């Protein structure tokens, strides 16, 4: 398959009294995107922190207890995503969540498909808040996923701002990068946006950027969220001159869905106005 519908969510965080309320919300979001033709759905970084509300106000308001509350719902979250992926015949990059592989959690995004869990990606480079305040630690390993829709890599938020991470995925054959994010200011959102657009340019690939949006007054870790969802490509032959294939309005909840073509990626890498993907190694010769 060379083309498919790609959807990125601009996702607001909600208070829930019951897990069933979360399941109803997520089901509605997946139904909406699938109804617009999306085959691959991307939810944002730390979108799962809304599940801290299930522990009550005191738990949700406590940075440490919120991590554990969200993590304990992991099995139920997995079951829900798998059921929705099967129901709609889609792949879903679930909102990332804390996962306790050891004493401290990693920030993990899981890719679900109709036939089961395809794999997971842990964030590689932690922000100052994650390092200095929250003690969420870096994961190990960065590799793309082989899927029916092509080879897909994930660069979680801050990771998208580091070109060698994306290039590592592209060198392993990734043609689509997913960039889920959670940023509390326009500056933070802009850094991920600019990083994602730059990764699309230099690797001549498609990047889907999914942010959290809006206020979340019950969980201080994710209390303010600024962003817009977008799908980017290289500003070159076969793509918009701006590099923006589609995007939502700033801070407006909802999906951006666009048909993307892997053949267009391959064509621009073969014969674009520029050949950044092919010429990447030349910069090393100039400075080495």
C-alpha atoms as a PDB file:
ATOM      1  CA  UNK A   1       0.000   0.000   0.000  1.00  0.00           C
ATOM      2  CA  UNK A   2       1.415   3.414  -0.951  1.00  0.00           C
ATOM      3  CA  UNK A   3      -1.269   5.776   0.379  1.00  0.00           C
ATOM      4  CA  UNK A   4      -3.619   5.934   3.344  1.00  0.00           C
ATOM      5  CA  UNK A   5      -5.642   8.255   5.552  1.00  0.00           C
ATOM      6  CA  UNK A   6      -3.571   9.690   8.414  1.00  0.00           C
ATOM      7  CA  UNK A   7      -5.218  11.398  11.390  1.00  0.00           C
ATOM      8  CA  UNK A   8      -3.634  13.459  14.179  1.00  0.00           C
ATOM      9  CA  UNK A   9      -5.641  14.536  17.218  1.00  0.00           C
ATOM     10  CA  UNK A  10      -5.666  17.903  18.928  1.00  0.00           C
ATOM     11  CA  UNK A  11      -6.848  16.324  22.140  1.00  0.00           C
ATOM     12  CA  UNK A  12      -8.337  17.934  25.274  1.00  0.00           C
ATOM     13  CA  UNK A  13      -8.025  16.274  28.673  1.00  0.00           C
ATOM     14  CA  UNK A  14     -11.230  15.394  30.532  1.00  0.00           C
ATOM     15  CA  UNK A  15     -12.204  14.582  34.107  1.00  0.00           C
ATOM     16  CA  UNK A  16     -13.680  11.074  34.487  1.00  0.00           C
ATOM     17  CA  UNK A  17     -15.579   9.548  37.375  1.00  0.00           C
ATOM     18  CA  UNK A  18     -15.558   6.077  35.785  1.00  0.00           C
ATOM     19  CA  UNK A  19     -13.320   4.226  33.345  1.00  0.00           C
ATOM     20  CA  UNK A  20     -16.413   3.663  31.221  1.00  0.00           C
ATOM     21  CA  UNK A  21     -16.607   7.419  30.677  1.00  0.00           C
ATOM     22  CA  UNK A  22     -13.067   7.379  29.296  1.00  0.00           C
ATOM     23  CA  UNK A  23     -13.947   4.419  27.079  1.00  0.00           C
ATOM     24  CA  UNK A  24     -16.948   6.319  25.726  1.00  0.00           C
ATOM     25  CA  UNK A  25     -14.822   9.383  24.960  1.00  0.00           C
ATOM     26  CA  UNK A  26     -12.069   7.426  23.259  1.00  0.00           C
ATOM     27  CA  UNK A  27     -14.572   5.400  21.285  1.00  0.00           C
ATOM     28  CA  UNK A  28     -16.180   8.587  19.978  1.00  0.00           C
ATOM     29  CA  UNK A  29     -12.799  10.023  18.957  1.00  0.00           C
ATOM     30  CA  UNK A  30     -11.755   6.878  17.128  1.00  0.00           C
ATOM     31  CA  UNK A  31     -15.149   6.615  15.435  1.00  0.00           C
ATOM     32  CA  UNK A  32     -14.830  10.238  14.270  1.00  0.00           C
ATOM     33  CA  UNK A  33     -11.378   9.765  12.757  1.00  0.00           C
ATOM     34  CA  UNK A  34     -12.229   6.441  11.120  1.00  0.00           C
ATOM     35  CA  UNK A  35     -15.374   8.027   9.705  1.00  0.00           C
ATOM     36  CA  UNK A  36     -13.187  10.651   8.042  1.00  0.00           C
ATOM     37  CA  UNK A  37     -11.107   7.942   6.385  1.00  0.00           C
ATOM     38  CA  UNK A  38      -8.154   7.707   8.768  1.00  0.00           C
ATOM     39  CA  UNK A  39      -6.385   4.336   8.839  1.00  0.00           C
ATOM     40  CA  UNK A  40      -3.613   5.468  11.200  1.00  0.00           C
ATOM     41  CA  UNK A  41      -4.664   7.561  14.222  1.00  0.00           C
ATOM     42  CA  UNK A  42      -2.226   9.491  16.406  1.00  0.00           C
ATOM     43  CA  UNK A  43      -3.019  10.623  19.957  1.00  0.00           C
ATOM     44  CA  UNK A  44      -0.747  12.984  21.926  1.00  0.00           C
ATOM     45  CA  UNK A  45       1.977  12.696  24.501  1.00  0.00           C
ATOM     46  CA  UNK A  46       0.657  12.384  28.054  1.00  0.00           C
ATOM     47  CA  UNK A  47      -2.937  12.401  26.826  1.00  0.00           C
ATOM     48  CA  UNK A  48      -3.446   9.454  29.172  1.00  0.00           C
ATOM     49  CA  UNK A  49      -2.827  11.677  32.201  1.00  0.00           C
ATOM     50  CA  UNK A  50      -6.558  12.418  32.194  1.00  0.00           C
ATOM     51  CA  UNK A  51      -6.940   8.972  33.762  1.00  0.00           C
ATOM     52  CA  UNK A  52      -5.417  10.389  36.956  1.00  0.00           C
ATOM     53  CA  UNK A  53      -8.915  11.738  37.633  1.00  0.00           C
ATOM     54  CA  UNK A  54     -10.079   8.176  38.364  1.00  0.00           C
ATOM     55  CA  UNK A  55      -8.096   8.310  41.588  1.00  0.00           C
ATOM     56  CA  UNK A  56     -10.000  11.377  42.802  1.00  0.00           C
ATOM     57  CA  UNK A  57      -8.970  15.036  43.188  1.00  0.00           C
ATOM     58  CA  UNK A  58      -6.150  14.499  45.693  1.00  0.00           C
ATOM     59  CA  UNK A  59      -4.468  11.815  43.597  1.00  0.00           C
ATOM     60  CA  UNK A  60      -4.836  13.734  40.337  1.00  0.00           C
ATOM     61  CA  UNK A  61      -3.349  16.851  41.950  1.00  0.00           C
ATOM     62  CA  UNK A  62      -0.271  15.019  43.265  1.00  0.00           C
ATOM     63  CA  UNK A  63       2.538  14.660  40.714  1.00  0.00           C
ATOM     64  CA  UNK A  64       3.777  11.308  41.989  1.00  0.00           C
ATOM     65  CA  UNK A  65       0.447   9.675  42.793  1.00  0.00           C
ATOM     66  CA  UNK A  66      -0.939  10.719  39.422  1.00  0.00           C
ATOM     67  CA  UNK A  67       1.808   8.772  37.646  1.00  0.00           C
ATOM     68  CA  UNK A  68       0.957   5.586  39.513  1.00  0.00           C
ATOM     69  CA  UNK A  69      -2.791   6.045  39.064  1.00  0.00           C
ATOM     70  CA  UNK A  70      -2.476   6.351  35.300  1.00  0.00           C
ATOM     71  CA  UNK A  71      -0.032   3.452  35.062  1.00  0.00           C
ATOM     72  CA  UNK A  72      -2.333   1.084  36.938  1.00  0.00           C
ATOM     73  CA  UNK A  73      -4.980   1.436  34.225  1.00  0.00           C
ATOM     74  CA  UNK A  74      -2.525   0.265  31.554  1.00  0.00           C
ATOM     75  CA  UNK A  75      -4.059  -3.198  30.975  1.00  0.00           C
ATOM     76  CA  UNK A  76      -7.583  -1.765  30.629  1.00  0.00           C
ATOM     77  CA  UNK A  77      -6.294   0.938  28.270  1.00  0.00           C
ATOM     78  CA  UNK A  78      -4.613  -1.703  26.119  1.00  0.00           C
ATOM     79  CA  UNK A  79      -7.757  -3.825  25.950  1.00  0.00           C
ATOM     80  CA  UNK A  80      -9.844  -0.796  24.962  1.00  0.00           C
ATOM     81  CA  UNK A  81      -7.473   0.319  22.210  1.00  0.00           C
ATOM     82  CA  UNK A  82      -7.244  -3.180  20.770  1.00  0.00           C
ATOM     83  CA  UNK A  83     -11.020  -3.500  20.694  1.00  0.00           C
ATOM     84  CA  UNK A  84     -11.342  -0.153  18.900  1.00  0.00           C
ATOM     85  CA  UNK A  85      -8.578  -1.010  16.427  1.00  0.00           C
ATOM     86  CA  UNK A  86     -10.356  -4.270  15.576  1.00  0.00           C
ATOM     87  CA  UNK A  87     -13.772  -2.647  15.391  1.00  0.00           C
ATOM     88  CA  UNK A  88     -12.669   0.067  12.966  1.00  0.00           C
ATOM     89  CA  UNK A  89      -9.814  -1.819  11.224  1.00  0.00           C
ATOM     90  CA  UNK A  90      -7.342   0.934  12.056  1.00  0.00           C
ATOM     91  CA  UNK A  91      -3.971   1.400  13.718  1.00  0.00           C
ATOM     92  CA  UNK A  92      -3.846   3.667  16.762  1.00  0.00           C
ATOM     93  CA  UNK A  93      -0.836   5.281  18.391  1.00  0.00           C
ATOM     94  CA  UNK A  94      -2.322   5.621  21.850  1.00  0.00           C
ATOM     95  CA  UNK A  95      -1.735   8.681  23.998  1.00  0.00           C
ATOM     96  CA  UNK A  96       1.530   8.180  25.827  1.00  0.00           C
ATOM     97  CA  UNK A  97       1.475   7.296  29.514  1.00  0.00           C
ATOM     98  CA  UNK A  98       3.849   6.558  32.383  1.00  0.00           C
ATOM     99  CA  UNK A  99       4.971   2.945  32.410  1.00  0.00           C
ATOM    100  CA  UNK A 100       6.889   1.515  35.344  1.00  0.00           C
ATOM    101  CA  UNK A 101       9.473  -0.807  33.851  1.00  0.00           C
ATOM    102  CA  UNK A 102      11.616  -0.168  36.945  1.00  0.00           C
ATOM    103  CA  UNK A 103      11.629   2.100  39.962  1.00  0.00           C
ATOM    104  CA  UNK A 104      10.876   5.161  37.839  1.00  0.00           C
ATOM    105  CA  UNK A 105       8.495   5.389  34.880  1.00  0.00           C
ATOM    106  CA  UNK A 106       9.268   5.870  31.227  1.00  0.00           C
ATOM    107  CA  UNK A 107       7.022   7.864  28.920  1.00  0.00           C
ATOM    108  CA  UNK A 108       5.609   5.187  26.597  1.00  0.00           C
ATOM    109  CA  UNK A 109       3.455   5.326  23.475  1.00  0.00           C
ATOM    110  CA  UNK A 110       1.973   2.046  22.228  1.00  0.00           C
ATOM    111  CA  UNK A 111       0.991   1.295  18.641  1.00  0.00           C
ATOM    112  CA  UNK A 112      -2.115  -0.886  18.396  1.00  0.00           C
ATOM    113  CA  UNK A 113      -3.432  -2.694  15.335  1.00  0.00           C
ATOM    114  CA  UNK A 114      -6.456  -4.818  14.476  1.00  0.00           C
ATOM    115  CA  UNK A 115      -4.432  -7.973  15.154  1.00  0.00           C
ATOM    116  CA  UNK A 116      -2.814  -6.889  18.410  1.00  0.00           C
ATOM    117  CA  UNK A 117      -0.108  -4.680  19.861  1.00  0.00           C
ATOM    118  CA  UNK A 118       2.396  -3.784  17.139  1.00  0.00           C
ATOM    119  CA  UNK A 119       4.967  -2.353  19.528  1.00  0.00           C
ATOM    120  CA  UNK A 120       5.835   0.557  21.764  1.00  0.00           C
ATOM    121  CA  UNK A 121       8.192   3.508  21.750  1.00  0.00           C
ATOM    122  CA  UNK A 122       9.601   5.154  24.875  1.00  0.00           C
ATOM    123  CA  UNK A 123      10.671   8.786  24.880  1.00  0.00           C
ATOM    124  CA  UNK A 124      14.433   9.087  24.506  1.00  0.00           C
ATOM    125  CA  UNK A 125      15.356  12.582  25.687  1.00  0.00           C
ATOM    126  CA  UNK A 126      13.588  14.030  28.680  1.00  0.00           C
ATOM    127  CA  UNK A 127      12.597  17.662  29.185  1.00  0.00           C
ATOM    128  CA  UNK A 128      13.718  19.658  32.206  1.00  0.00           C
ATOM    129  CA  UNK A 129      10.334  19.096  33.880  1.00  0.00           C
ATOM    130  CA  UNK A 130      10.566  15.347  33.391  1.00  0.00           C
ATOM    131  CA  UNK A 131      14.184  15.257  34.623  1.00  0.00           C
ATOM    132  CA  UNK A 132      14.175  17.794  37.431  1.00  0.00           C
ATOM    133  CA  UNK A 133      10.645  17.691  38.836  1.00  0.00           C
ATOM    134  CA  UNK A 134       8.744  14.585  37.755  1.00  0.00           C
ATOM    135  CA  UNK A 135      11.577  12.025  37.611  1.00  0.00           C
ATOM    136  CA  UNK A 136      10.258  10.376  34.465  1.00  0.00           C
ATOM    137  CA  UNK A 137      13.254   8.628  32.905  1.00  0.00           C
ATOM    138  CA  UNK A 138      14.464   7.997  29.384  1.00  0.00           C
ATOM    139  CA  UNK A 139      13.643   4.745  27.667  1.00  0.00           C
ATOM    140  CA  UNK A 140      16.079   2.551  25.758  1.00  0.00           C
ATOM    141  CA  UNK A 141      15.800   1.671  22.087  1.00  0.00           C
ATOM    142  CA  UNK A 142      14.544   3.519  19.029  1.00  0.00           C
ATOM    143  CA  UNK A 143      13.283   1.544  16.061  1.00  0.00           C
ATOM    144  CA  UNK A 144      10.524   1.876  13.460  1.00  0.00           C
ATOM    145  CA  UNK A 145       7.500  -0.392  13.208  1.00  0.00           C
ATOM    146  CA  UNK A 146       6.826  -2.526  10.146  1.00  0.00           C
ATOM    147  CA  UNK A 147       3.112  -2.237   9.418  1.00  0.00           C
ATOM    148  CA  UNK A 148       0.620  -2.819   6.641  1.00  0.00           C
ATOM    149  CA  UNK A 149       0.731   0.938   6.027  1.00  0.00           C
ATOM    150  CA  UNK A 150       4.510   1.135   5.721  1.00  0.00           C
ATOM    151  CA  UNK A 151       7.430   1.614   8.075  1.00  0.00           C
ATOM    152  CA  UNK A 152       6.565   4.092  10.836  1.00  0.00           C
ATOM    153  CA  UNK A 153       8.730   5.767  13.492  1.00  0.00           C
ATOM    154  CA  UNK A 154       7.762   7.664  16.640  1.00  0.00           C
ATOM    155  CA  UNK A 155       9.526  10.745  18.036  1.00  0.00           C
ATOM    156  CA  UNK A 156       7.763  11.808  21.231  1.00  0.00           C
ATOM    157  CA  UNK A 157       7.584  15.586  21.734  1.00  0.00           C
ATOM    158  CA  UNK A 158      11.115  16.749  22.711  1.00  0.00           C
ATOM    159  CA  UNK A 159      12.566  13.859  20.699  1.00  0.00           C
ATOM    160  CA  UNK A 160      11.297  15.547  17.532  1.00  0.00           C
ATOM    161  CA  UNK A 161      13.670  18.448  18.193  1.00  0.00           C
ATOM    162  CA  UNK A 162      16.769  16.236  17.815  1.00  0.00           C
ATOM    163  CA  UNK A 163      17.541  15.458  14.170  1.00  0.00           C
ATOM    164  CA  UNK A 164      19.713  12.390  14.762  1.00  0.00           C
ATOM    165  CA  UNK A 165      16.873  10.515  16.448  1.00  0.00           C
ATOM    166  CA  UNK A 166      14.579  10.949  13.463  1.00  0.00           C
ATOM    167  CA  UNK A 167      17.429  10.208  11.087  1.00  0.00           C
ATOM    168  CA  UNK A 168      18.121   6.946  12.902  1.00  0.00           C
ATOM    169  CA  UNK A 169      14.521   5.909  12.219  1.00  0.00           C
ATOM    170  CA  UNK A 170      14.678   7.075   8.605  1.00  0.00           C
ATOM    171  CA  UNK A 171      17.928   5.205   8.041  1.00  0.00           C
ATOM    172  CA  UNK A 172      16.027   2.091   9.111  1.00  0.00           C
ATOM    173  CA  UNK A 173      13.417   2.759   6.449  1.00  0.00           C
ATOM    174  CA  UNK A 174      10.827   4.981   8.139  1.00  0.00           C
ATOM    175  CA  UNK A 175       8.817   7.052   5.666  1.00  0.00           C
ATOM    176  CA  UNK A 176       6.305   8.351   8.220  1.00  0.00           C
ATOM    177  CA  UNK A 177       7.157   9.811  11.641  1.00  0.00           C
ATOM    178  CA  UNK A 178       4.593  10.315  14.400  1.00  0.00           C
ATOM    179  CA  UNK A 179       5.232  13.193  16.813  1.00  0.00           C
ATOM    180  CA  UNK A 180       2.839  13.165  19.784  1.00  0.00           C
ATOM    181  CA  UNK A 181       3.369  16.199  22.042  1.00  0.00           C
ATOM    182  CA  UNK A 182       2.299  17.903  25.262  1.00  0.00           C
ATOM    183  CA  UNK A 183       3.368  21.557  25.570  1.00  0.00           C
ATOM    184  CA  UNK A 184       2.184  24.207  28.006  1.00  0.00           C
ATOM    185  CA  UNK A 185       3.052  27.323  26.010  1.00  0.00           C
ATOM    186  CA  UNK A 186       3.068  28.663  22.480  1.00  0.00           C
ATOM    187  CA  UNK A 187       6.870  28.605  22.582  1.00  0.00           C
ATOM    188  CA  UNK A 188       6.917  24.933  23.539  1.00  0.00           C
ATOM    189  CA  UNK A 189       4.407  24.041  20.853  1.00  0.00           C
ATOM    190  CA  UNK A 190       6.395  26.028  18.296  1.00  0.00           C
ATOM    191  CA  UNK A 191       9.569  24.138  19.140  1.00  0.00           C
ATOM    192  CA  UNK A 192       7.879  20.802  18.411  1.00  0.00           C
ATOM    193  CA  UNK A 193       6.164  22.213  15.332  1.00  0.00           C
ATOM    194  CA  UNK A 194       9.407  23.612  13.914  1.00  0.00           C
ATOM    195  CA  UNK A 195      11.241  20.406  14.816  1.00  0.00           C
ATOM    196  CA  UNK A 196       8.610  18.259  13.144  1.00  0.00           C
ATOM    197  CA  UNK A 197       8.614  20.394  10.006  1.00  0.00           C
ATOM    198  CA  UNK A 198      12.404  20.297   9.896  1.00  0.00           C
ATOM    199  CA  UNK A 199      12.402  16.513  10.240  1.00  0.00           C
ATOM    200  CA  UNK A 200       9.971  16.294   7.300  1.00  0.00           C
ATOM    201  CA  UNK A 201      12.196  18.566   5.226  1.00  0.00           C
ATOM    202  CA  UNK A 202      15.590  17.016   5.903  1.00  0.00           C
ATOM    203  CA  UNK A 203      14.354  13.422   5.682  1.00  0.00           C
ATOM    204  CA  UNK A 204      11.844  14.064   2.878  1.00  0.00           C
ATOM    205  CA  UNK A 205       9.156  12.202   4.789  1.00  0.00           C
ATOM    206  CA  UNK A 206       5.723  12.711   6.357  1.00  0.00           C
ATOM    207  CA  UNK A 207       5.370  13.794   9.990  1.00  0.00           C
ATOM    208  CA  UNK A 208       2.086  13.740  11.941  1.00  0.00           C
ATOM    209  CA  UNK A 209       2.019  16.050  14.982  1.00  0.00           C
ATOM    210  CA  UNK A 210      -0.634  15.404  17.657  1.00  0.00           C
ATOM    211  CA  UNK A 211      -0.758  17.747  20.702  1.00  0.00           C
ATOM    212  CA  UNK A 212      -2.794  18.040  23.862  1.00  0.00           C
ATOM    213  CA  UNK A 213      -4.921  21.217  23.910  1.00  0.00           C
ATOM    214  CA  UNK A 214      -6.805  23.267  26.493  1.00  0.00           C
ATOM    215  CA  UNK A 215      -6.787  23.559  30.268  1.00  0.00           C
ATOM    216  CA  UNK A 216      -6.665  20.605  32.670  1.00  0.00           C
ATOM    217  CA  UNK A 217      -7.129  22.153  36.086  1.00  0.00           C
ATOM    218  CA  UNK A 218      -7.203  18.856  38.006  1.00  0.00           C
ATOM    219  CA  UNK A 219      -3.712  17.575  37.063  1.00  0.00           C
ATOM    220  CA  UNK A 220      -0.837  20.053  37.491  1.00  0.00           C
ATOM    221  CA  UNK A 221       1.553  17.975  35.372  1.00  0.00           C
ATOM    222  CA  UNK A 222      -0.567  18.783  32.296  1.00  0.00           C
ATOM    223  CA  UNK A 223      -2.535  21.803  33.461  1.00  0.00           C
ATOM    224  CA  UNK A 224      -2.012  24.031  30.400  1.00  0.00           C
ATOM    225  CA  UNK A 225      -1.871  22.704  26.851  1.00  0.00           C
ATOM    226  CA  UNK A 226      -1.202  24.669  23.683  1.00  0.00           C
ATOM    227  CA  UNK A 227      -1.087  23.350  20.142  1.00  0.00           C
ATOM    228  CA  UNK A 228      -2.645  22.456  16.846  1.00  0.00           C
ATOM    229  CA  UNK A 229      -2.590  19.107  15.086  1.00  0.00           C
ATOM    230  CA  UNK A 230      -0.904  18.949  11.721  1.00  0.00           C
ATOM    231  CA  UNK A 231       0.468  16.694   9.020  1.00  0.00           C
ATOM    232  CA  UNK A 232       3.696  17.877   7.402  1.00  0.00           C
ATOM    233  CA  UNK A 233       5.679  16.900   4.345  1.00  0.00           C
ATOM    234  CA  UNK A 234       8.764  18.227   2.582  1.00  0.00           C
ATOM    235  CA  UNK A 235       8.072  21.556   0.807  1.00  0.00           C
ATOM    236  CA  UNK A 236       8.933  20.095  -2.574  1.00  0.00           C
ATOM    237  CA  UNK A 237       7.496  18.297  -5.598  1.00  0.00           C
ATOM    238  CA  UNK A 238       4.233  16.517  -4.802  1.00  0.00           C
ATOM    239  CA  UNK A 239       3.708  18.367  -1.499  1.00  0.00           C
ATOM    240  CA  UNK A 240       2.405  21.831  -0.515  1.00  0.00           C
ATOM    241  CA  UNK A 241       4.945  24.635  -0.869  1.00  0.00           C
ATOM    242  CA  UNK A 242       4.538  25.400   2.837  1.00  0.00           C
ATOM    243  CA  UNK A 243       5.188  21.803   3.860  1.00  0.00           C
ATOM    244  CA  UNK A 244       1.829  21.817   5.677  1.00  0.00           C
ATOM    245  CA  UNK A 245      -0.431  19.146   4.235  1.00  0.00           C
ATOM    246  CA  UNK A 246      -3.244  19.907   6.702  1.00  0.00           C
ATOM    247  CA  UNK A 247      -3.665  21.395  10.187  1.00  0.00           C
ATOM    248  CA  UNK A 248      -6.260  22.371  12.770  1.00  0.00           C
ATOM    249  CA  UNK A 249      -6.727  25.840  14.233  1.00  0.00           C
ATOM    250  CA  UNK A 250      -4.633  26.635  17.302  1.00  0.00           C
ATOM    251  CA  UNK A 251      -6.099  25.118  20.485  1.00  0.00           C
ATOM    252  CA  UNK A 252      -9.184  23.805  18.660  1.00  0.00           C
ATOM    253  CA  UNK A 253      -9.970  20.209  19.697  1.00  0.00           C
ATOM    254  CA  UNK A 254     -10.502  17.745  16.881  1.00  0.00           C
ATOM    255  CA  UNK A 255      -8.854  15.742  14.149  1.00  0.00           C
ATOM    256  CA  UNK A 256      -6.800  16.693  11.169  1.00  0.00           C
ATOM    257  CA  UNK A 257      -7.093  13.933   8.574  1.00  0.00           C
ATOM    258  CA  UNK A 258      -5.312  13.807   5.228  1.00  0.00           C
ATOM    259  CA  UNK A 259      -4.566  11.238   2.565  1.00  0.00           C
ATOM    260  CA  UNK A 260      -0.816  10.725   2.452  1.00  0.00           C
ATOM    261  CA  UNK A 261       1.160   8.942  -0.240  1.00  0.00           C
ATOM    262  CA  UNK A 262       4.265   6.900   0.383  1.00  0.00           C
ATOM    263  CA  UNK A 263       4.882   6.929  -3.348  1.00  0.00           C
ATOM    264  CA  UNK A 264       5.075  10.735  -3.121  1.00  0.00           C
ATOM    265  CA  UNK A 265       7.751  10.327  -0.437  1.00  0.00           C
ATOM    266  CA  UNK A 266       9.696   7.932  -2.625  1.00  0.00           C
ATOM    267  CA  UNK A 267       9.303  10.159  -5.677  1.00  0.00           C
ATOM    268  CA  UNK A 268      10.608  13.292  -3.948  1.00  0.00           C
ATOM    269  CA  UNK A 269      13.531  11.332  -2.540  1.00  0.00           C
ATOM    270  CA  UNK A 270      14.350  10.152  -6.078  1.00  0.00           C
ATOM    271  CA  UNK A 271      13.845  13.400  -7.969  1.00  0.00           C
ATOM    272  CA  UNK A 272      12.925  16.340  -5.757  1.00  0.00           C
ATOM    273  CA  UNK A 273      13.915  19.948  -6.311  1.00  0.00           C
ATOM    274  CA  UNK A 274      16.441  19.171  -3.580  1.00  0.00           C
ATOM    275  CA  UNK A 275      17.637  15.791  -2.318  1.00  0.00           C
ATOM    276  CA  UNK A 276      18.112  16.293   1.412  1.00  0.00           C
ATOM    277  CA  UNK A 277      17.516  12.624   2.187  1.00  0.00           C
ATOM    278  CA  UNK A 278      20.186  11.471  -0.255  1.00  0.00           C
ATOM    279  CA  UNK A 279      22.649  14.246   0.573  1.00  0.00           C
ATOM    280  CA  UNK A 280      22.468  13.879   4.376  1.00  0.00           C
ATOM    281  CA  UNK A 281      25.856  12.184   4.656  1.00  0.00           C
ATOM    282  CA  UNK A 282      27.645  14.957   2.759  1.00  0.00           C
ATOM    283  CA  UNK A 283      27.420  17.281   5.761  1.00  0.00           C
ATOM    284  CA  UNK A 284      29.480  14.796   7.759  1.00  0.00           C
ATOM    285  CA  UNK A 285      32.199  14.954   5.128  1.00  0.00           C
ATOM    286  CA  UNK A 286      32.305  18.747   5.427  1.00  0.00           C
ATOM    287  CA  UNK A 287      32.792  18.808   9.175  1.00  0.00           C
ATOM    288  CA  UNK A 288      34.504  15.494   9.877  1.00  0.00           C
END
